[in-house]
């Protein structure tokens, strides 16, 4: 089974996350995509975020009704820092072919990730790019110690020495971000149609991001 892994803080998950995952699922004929909220992401040290259980609850609510999307609590339930390499190894025990969905900005900082060289031996990467953004090649985003193990197959695909592939894919650019959702809530502005209705319900019921009933 070929499955996608979509990691992130998802604080909160929004329509932009869902749309890009749907496009990638279709483009790569993935049988399933797992959304994996990070528990204690090392890259987010010093940042305030909602609890892992709350973010996982919102992800589960957002995915209802889509048989191809699943929520995974593998990182939310992990004690200590959440490392992607550990998550990939766990998924490999269940699935033969993995595709890791990642934004171009995060991919360009892959050398800051724990055991980043090892990641390429465990999964294919789908690097999601913005059509309006500057066109970049995979090699220019990779550190030298990974770049030497990668060769170009075509403009949108590179192959790692381990046999895994790295794909560049343009996705629909939707001007929604978790930061924007939280900023609107702080101003008592509506977030309707930016997040799924069930996610909005959880946010207000739990009073997340300063939301409260009676606001927009």
Protein backbone atom coordinates (compact mmCIF):
# COMPACT_ATOMS: atom_id res chain seq x y z
CA UNK A 1 0.00 0.00 0.00
CA UNK A 2 1.32 3.45 -0.96
CA UNK A 3 0.49 5.95 1.76
CA UNK A 4 1.23 9.59 2.37
CA UNK A 5 2.41 11.06 5.67
CA UNK A 6 1.51 14.67 6.30
CA UNK A 7 3.16 16.01 9.43
CA UNK A 8 2.71 19.39 11.05
CA UNK A 9 1.63 21.19 14.18
CA UNK A 10 -1.90 21.64 12.74
CA UNK A 11 -2.57 24.40 15.26
CA UNK A 12 -5.25 24.50 13.97
CA UNK A 13 -5.74 22.38 10.86
CA UNK A 14 -7.45 24.39 8.11
CA UNK A 15 -8.90 24.08 4.61
CA UNK A 16 -5.52 24.74 3.00
CA UNK A 17 -4.07 21.61 4.60
CA UNK A 18 -6.99 19.51 3.41
CA UNK A 19 -6.94 20.82 -0.15
CA UNK A 20 -3.23 20.22 -0.79
CA UNK A 21 -3.49 16.72 0.68
CA UNK A 22 -6.41 15.95 -1.63
CA UNK A 23 -4.46 17.14 -4.67
CA UNK A 24 -1.38 15.10 -3.74
CA UNK A 25 -3.49 12.01 -3.06
CA UNK A 26 -4.96 12.19 -6.54
CA UNK A 27 -1.70 13.05 -8.31
CA UNK A 28 0.16 10.12 -6.76
CA UNK A 29 -2.75 7.66 -6.50
CA UNK A 30 -2.14 7.25 -2.78
CA UNK A 31 -4.42 4.81 -1.06
CA UNK A 32 -4.35 6.77 2.19
CA UNK A 33 -2.87 9.90 3.73
CA UNK A 34 -2.08 10.03 7.44
CA UNK A 35 -2.13 13.43 9.11
CA UNK A 36 0.38 13.36 11.97
CA UNK A 37 0.19 16.25 14.48
CA UNK A 38 3.56 16.69 16.18
CA UNK A 39 3.66 16.23 19.94
CA UNK A 40 6.67 18.33 20.90
CA UNK A 41 8.23 19.37 17.58
CA UNK A 42 11.93 20.25 18.13
CA UNK A 43 11.61 23.05 15.54
CA UNK A 44 8.96 24.78 17.63
CA UNK A 45 10.96 25.27 20.82
CA UNK A 46 9.90 28.40 22.64
CA UNK A 47 6.63 28.64 20.69
CA UNK A 48 3.29 28.46 22.44
CA UNK A 49 0.91 25.93 20.93
CA UNK A 50 -2.21 24.03 21.84
CA UNK A 51 -1.88 20.69 23.55
CA UNK A 52 -1.19 17.64 21.41
CA UNK A 53 -4.50 16.03 22.38
CA UNK A 54 -6.44 19.12 21.34
CA UNK A 55 -4.67 19.36 17.99
CA UNK A 56 -5.21 15.65 17.36
CA UNK A 57 -8.89 16.06 18.21
CA UNK A 58 -9.20 18.88 15.66
CA UNK A 59 -7.45 16.81 12.98
CA UNK A 60 -9.77 13.85 13.56
CA UNK A 61 -12.78 16.15 13.29
CA UNK A 62 -11.47 17.73 10.08
CA UNK A 63 -10.98 14.38 8.35
CA UNK A 64 -14.47 13.01 8.98
CA UNK A 65 -16.19 12.01 5.77
CA UNK A 66 -13.01 11.40 3.74
CA UNK A 67 -12.26 7.69 3.51
CA UNK A 68 -8.75 8.36 2.23
CA UNK A 69 -7.65 10.53 5.15
CA UNK A 70 -6.65 9.23 8.59
CA UNK A 71 -5.36 10.88 11.75
CA UNK A 72 -2.39 9.38 13.57
CA UNK A 73 -1.57 10.05 17.20
CA UNK A 74 1.86 8.43 16.93
CA UNK A 75 3.68 11.68 17.71
CA UNK A 76 1.06 13.26 19.93
CA UNK A 77 1.34 10.29 22.30
CA UNK A 78 5.13 10.10 22.21
CA UNK A 79 6.99 11.34 25.28
CA UNK A 80 9.87 13.68 24.60
CA UNK A 81 10.65 15.39 21.27
CA UNK A 82 8.85 14.25 18.11
CA UNK A 83 11.41 13.15 15.53
CA UNK A 84 10.28 12.40 11.97
CA UNK A 85 12.80 9.58 11.59
CA UNK A 86 11.13 7.64 14.43
CA UNK A 87 7.71 8.16 12.88
CA UNK A 88 8.88 6.92 9.48
CA UNK A 89 10.37 3.78 10.98
CA UNK A 90 7.08 3.01 12.71
CA UNK A 91 5.09 3.50 9.51
CA UNK A 92 7.51 1.26 7.61
CA UNK A 93 6.49 -1.61 9.82
CA UNK A 94 3.00 -1.39 8.33
CA UNK A 95 3.42 -0.01 4.83
CA UNK A 96 5.89 -0.74 2.06
CA UNK A 97 5.80 2.56 0.18
CA UNK A 98 5.81 5.91 1.98
CA UNK A 99 5.47 9.45 0.63
CA UNK A 100 6.24 12.33 2.98
CA UNK A 101 4.38 15.54 2.18
CA UNK A 102 6.39 18.65 2.97
CA UNK A 103 6.27 22.32 2.04
CA UNK A 104 9.14 23.82 0.10
CA UNK A 105 10.19 26.11 2.97
CA UNK A 106 10.45 23.23 5.43
CA UNK A 107 12.28 21.07 2.89
CA UNK A 108 14.88 23.77 2.32
CA UNK A 109 15.72 23.49 6.03
CA UNK A 110 15.93 19.69 6.07
CA UNK A 111 19.52 19.82 7.29
CA UNK A 112 18.25 21.11 10.66
CA UNK A 113 16.19 17.95 11.20
CA UNK A 114 17.31 15.09 13.43
CA UNK A 115 19.28 12.46 11.43
CA UNK A 116 18.26 14.21 8.21
CA UNK A 117 20.49 12.08 5.94
CA UNK A 118 18.76 8.94 7.16
CA UNK A 119 15.31 10.26 6.26
CA UNK A 120 15.94 9.72 2.55
CA UNK A 121 16.41 5.99 3.11
CA UNK A 122 12.93 5.57 4.57
CA UNK A 123 10.53 7.58 2.43
CA UNK A 124 9.87 9.33 -0.84
CA UNK A 125 9.45 13.09 -0.51
CA UNK A 126 6.76 15.18 -2.17
CA UNK A 127 7.87 18.79 -1.96
CA UNK A 128 4.84 21.04 -2.34
CA UNK A 129 5.61 24.26 -4.19
CA UNK A 130 3.68 27.45 -4.81
CA UNK A 131 3.00 28.22 -8.50
CA UNK A 132 3.71 31.91 -7.90
CA UNK A 133 6.90 31.27 -5.95
CA UNK A 134 10.45 31.32 -7.24
CA UNK A 135 11.25 28.12 -9.06
CA UNK A 136 13.90 26.15 -7.22
CA UNK A 137 15.58 22.85 -7.95
CA UNK A 138 15.94 20.03 -5.45
CA UNK A 139 19.78 20.17 -5.39
CA UNK A 140 19.88 23.84 -4.45
CA UNK A 141 17.74 23.08 -1.39
CA UNK A 142 19.78 20.12 -0.20
CA UNK A 143 22.89 20.13 1.98
CA UNK A 144 26.06 18.94 0.24
CA UNK A 145 26.16 15.61 2.06
CA UNK A 146 22.75 14.69 0.61
CA UNK A 147 23.06 16.47 -2.73
CA UNK A 148 25.85 14.15 -3.83
CA UNK A 149 23.50 11.16 -3.44
CA UNK A 150 20.78 12.65 -5.65
CA UNK A 151 20.45 12.60 -9.43
CA UNK A 152 17.95 14.27 -11.72
CA UNK A 153 15.38 12.11 -13.52
CA UNK A 154 13.38 15.00 -14.96
CA UNK A 155 12.47 18.57 -13.99
CA UNK A 156 10.01 17.44 -11.34
CA UNK A 157 11.73 14.32 -10.03
CA UNK A 158 15.06 13.38 -8.50
CA UNK A 159 16.26 9.98 -7.25
CA UNK A 160 18.23 9.32 -4.12
CA UNK A 161 20.97 6.67 -4.12
CA UNK A 162 18.80 4.55 -1.81
CA UNK A 163 16.12 4.29 -4.52
CA UNK A 164 13.63 6.71 -3.03
CA UNK A 165 12.40 9.66 -5.07
CA UNK A 166 11.99 13.37 -4.43
CA UNK A 167 9.18 15.07 -6.32
CA UNK A 168 8.42 18.74 -6.86
CA UNK A 169 4.69 19.43 -7.15
CA UNK A 170 2.83 22.69 -7.57
CA UNK A 171 -0.26 22.85 -5.39
CA UNK A 172 -3.21 25.22 -5.34
CA UNK A 173 -2.14 28.29 -3.44
CA UNK A 174 -4.79 29.10 -0.85
CA UNK A 175 -4.16 32.14 1.33
CA UNK A 176 -4.97 30.43 4.63
CA UNK A 177 -2.58 29.78 7.48
CA UNK A 178 -2.92 28.70 11.09
CA UNK A 179 -1.40 32.04 12.05
CA UNK A 180 -4.10 33.89 10.15
CA UNK A 181 -6.87 31.84 11.79
CA UNK A 182 -5.52 32.61 15.26
CA UNK A 183 -5.10 36.29 14.45
CA UNK A 184 -8.73 36.54 13.36
CA UNK A 185 -9.93 34.86 16.54
CA UNK A 186 -7.97 37.32 18.66
CA UNK A 187 -9.84 40.12 16.90
CA UNK A 188 -13.19 38.36 17.38
CA UNK A 189 -13.47 37.90 13.62
CA UNK A 190 -15.12 34.98 11.84
CA UNK A 191 -13.08 31.92 10.81
CA UNK A 192 -16.00 30.30 9.00
CA UNK A 193 -14.94 28.57 5.75
CA UNK A 194 -11.26 28.82 6.74
CA UNK A 195 -11.50 25.72 8.92
CA UNK A 196 -13.97 22.81 8.78
CA UNK A 197 -17.16 23.42 10.76
CA UNK A 198 -16.35 20.66 13.25
CA UNK A 199 -12.94 22.19 13.90
CA UNK A 200 -14.53 25.59 14.48
CA UNK A 201 -16.90 23.95 16.97
CA UNK A 202 -14.00 22.43 18.94
CA UNK A 203 -12.14 25.75 18.99
CA UNK A 204 -15.10 27.56 20.52
CA UNK A 205 -16.09 24.77 22.89
CA UNK A 206 -12.57 24.58 24.31
CA UNK A 207 -11.92 28.30 24.10
CA UNK A 208 -8.77 27.81 22.04
CA UNK A 209 -6.83 30.82 20.72
CA UNK A 210 -8.96 33.16 22.80
CA UNK A 211 -12.20 32.15 21.07
CA UNK A 212 -15.44 32.35 22.99
CA UNK A 213 -19.12 32.02 22.17
CA UNK A 214 -20.64 35.36 21.33
CA UNK A 215 -17.67 36.40 19.20
CA UNK A 216 -17.89 36.34 15.38
